[in-house]
Structure formats: C-alpha cells, structure tokens
Amino acid sequence: MLEDDSYLFAYLDKDIEDSKKDIKDGKGLSQKGATAMLLKGMYNHIAHLDQNMVTKAEFNGLKGQFNGLKDQFGGLKDQFSGLKGQFEFVKWIIISGFAFLAVLQAVIAFVK
C-alpha cells in the first residue's frame, strides 16, 4: 500500500466509524458515510483484482507454453499413427496365418 493510500484510508476509516456510530444511535447512514464506505470497498476490490491480474508478459509466456504443448500433442499424434500402421501390419499377418492354416487344413482333409 502506498503512503498516499494510508492517508486516504485514515480519512475514510474515520468517516466509516462515525457512520457506524450514527447507525447504532439510530441516526441512519449519511451521504458522507455512504461515500466513504463505497470508496473503501471499491479500492479494496480493485486492489484485490490488481493482485490477481495477469500481465501481458505472463500471458504471452502462457501462450508460448500452450504452443509447446500443442507441438508435443502433434508429435504424439504422429507416434499413434505409426502404431496404428504397425497394428495393421500385425493384423494382416494374423489373418494371412489363419488363411494359410485353413488352406492347409483343407488340403490335408482332401489328401487323406
């Protein structure tokens, strides 16, 4: 918090405390008290947002990381495509083997 902010908060806190006392005494909320409460609430809200805000440099860094992940997933896609080709080859060999065994069994059955 900046030094100027502490002066502002001291002023606002005094008005807020006076307003709380007035409300307890049944006098109601004055325009000055309402304004002080709103200003302090808005300042706190903006300060909270500022703490969680992402800078442009941080955002661009995240963008670079996501692009890196995209490239890695592209590489994985290529690897899976290669595996798919290998499985197709193994499937072709198995089918050919069963076909060969069926032909061999038919030949043996007719020769006997």
Protein backbone atom coordinates (compact mmCIF):
# COMPACT_ATOMS: atom_id res chain seq x y z
CA MET A 1 0.00 0.00 0.00
CA LEU A 2 1.31 3.41 -0.93
CA GLU A 3 1.81 6.17 1.64
CA ASP A 4 -0.90 8.25 -0.05
CA ASP A 5 -3.25 5.30 0.31
CA SER A 6 -2.67 5.16 4.07
CA TYR A 7 -3.72 8.83 4.39
CA LEU A 8 -6.82 8.13 2.34
CA PHE A 9 -7.66 5.08 4.44
CA ALA A 10 -7.21 7.02 7.68
CA TYR A 11 -9.69 9.62 6.41
CA LEU A 12 -12.15 7.01 5.14
CA ASP A 13 -11.86 4.85 8.28
CA LYS A 14 -12.73 7.85 10.47
CA ASP A 15 -15.83 8.60 8.38
CA ILE A 16 -16.81 4.90 8.33
CA GLU A 17 -16.50 4.62 12.11
CA ASP A 18 -18.56 7.80 12.53
CA SER A 19 -21.20 6.34 10.20
CA LYS A 20 -21.30 3.04 12.12
CA LYS A 21 -21.79 5.00 15.36
CA ASP A 22 -24.57 7.07 13.75
CA ILE A 23 -26.31 3.90 12.54
CA LYS A 24 -26.10 2.35 16.03
CA ASP A 25 -27.51 5.55 17.52
CA GLY A 26 -30.43 5.39 15.09
CA LYS A 27 -29.43 8.45 13.04
CA GLY A 28 -29.10 6.47 9.81
CA LEU A 29 -26.44 6.49 7.15
CA SER A 30 -25.28 9.88 5.91
CA GLN A 31 -24.18 10.69 2.37
CA LYS A 32 -20.64 11.22 3.63
CA GLY A 33 -20.57 7.83 5.38
CA ALA A 34 -22.04 6.01 2.39
CA THR A 35 -19.50 7.62 0.09
CA ALA A 36 -16.63 6.64 2.40
CA MET A 37 -17.83 3.03 2.57
CA LEU A 38 -18.24 2.82 -1.18
CA LEU A 39 -14.81 4.32 -1.85
CA LYS A 40 -13.08 1.95 0.55
CA GLY A 41 -14.97 -1.05 -0.82
CA MET A 42 -14.10 -0.13 -4.41
CA TYR A 43 -10.45 0.45 -3.52
CA ASN A 44 -10.22 -2.93 -1.80
CA HIS A 45 -11.93 -4.61 -4.74
CA ILE A 46 -9.58 -3.02 -7.27
CA ALA A 47 -6.52 -3.82 -5.13
CA HIS A 48 -7.66 -7.46 -4.94
CA LEU A 49 -8.13 -7.61 -8.71
CA ASP A 50 -4.75 -6.00 -9.26
CA GLN A 51 -3.07 -8.73 -7.19
CA ASN A 52 -4.64 -11.48 -9.32
CA MET A 53 -4.25 -9.74 -12.68
CA VAL A 54 -2.05 -11.40 -15.29
CA THR A 55 0.40 -9.14 -17.07
CA LYS A 56 0.84 -9.16 -20.82
CA ALA A 57 4.28 -10.76 -20.46
CA GLU A 58 2.84 -13.54 -18.25
CA PHE A 59 0.01 -14.10 -20.71
CA ASN A 60 2.45 -14.33 -23.63
CA GLY A 61 4.52 -16.80 -21.60
CA LEU A 62 1.45 -18.96 -21.10
CA LYS A 63 0.70 -18.69 -24.79
CA GLY A 64 4.20 -19.99 -25.54
CA GLN A 65 3.71 -22.89 -23.14
CA PHE A 66 0.40 -23.83 -24.78
CA ASN A 67 2.04 -23.73 -28.20
CA GLY A 68 4.72 -26.07 -26.86
CA LEU A 69 2.03 -28.45 -25.60
CA LYS A 70 0.33 -28.27 -28.98
CA ASP A 71 3.58 -29.32 -30.66
CA GLN A 72 4.03 -32.19 -28.19
CA PHE A 73 0.49 -33.43 -28.86
CA GLY A 74 1.21 -33.23 -32.58
CA GLY A 75 4.22 -35.48 -32.01
CA LEU A 76 2.08 -37.92 -30.03
CA LYS A 77 -0.45 -37.98 -32.85
CA ASP A 78 2.33 -38.95 -35.26
CA GLN A 79 3.50 -41.71 -32.90
CA PHE A 80 -0.03 -43.11 -32.60
CA SER A 81 -0.36 -43.04 -36.38
CA GLY A 82 2.84 -45.10 -36.57
CA LEU A 83 1.47 -47.56 -34.01
CA LYS A 84 -1.75 -47.81 -36.00
CA GLY A 85 0.28 -48.78 -39.06
CA GLN A 86 2.15 -51.43 -37.07
CA PHE A 87 -1.12 -52.88 -35.74
CA GLU A 88 -2.50 -53.00 -39.28
CA PHE A 89 0.59 -54.98 -40.34
CA VAL A 90 0.24 -57.40 -37.40
CA LYS A 91 -3.48 -57.80 -38.19
CA TRP A 92 -2.62 -58.59 -41.83
CA ILE A 93 -0.05 -61.22 -40.73
CA ILE A 94 -2.55 -62.88 -38.34
CA ILE A 95 -5.29 -63.01 -41.00
CA SER A 96 -2.81 -64.40 -43.51
CA GLY A 97 -1.73 -67.03 -40.98
CA PHE A 98 -5.31 -68.12 -40.34
CA ALA A 99 -6.00 -68.24 -44.08
CA PHE A 100 -2.87 -70.35 -44.61
CA LEU A 101 -3.93 -72.72 -41.80
CA ALA A 102 -7.43 -73.02 -43.32
CA VAL A 103 -5.99 -73.83 -46.75
CA LEU A 104 -3.53 -76.29 -45.18
CA GLN A 105 -6.34 -77.97 -43.23
CA ALA A 106 -8.47 -78.24 -46.40
CA VAL A 107 -5.56 -79.77 -48.33
CA ILE A 108 -4.90 -82.26 -45.55
CA ALA A 109 -8.60 -83.17 -45.39
CA PHE A 110 -8.74 -83.86 -49.15
CA VAL A 111 -5.48 -85.74 -49.28
CA LYS A 112 -6.47 -88.22 -46.60
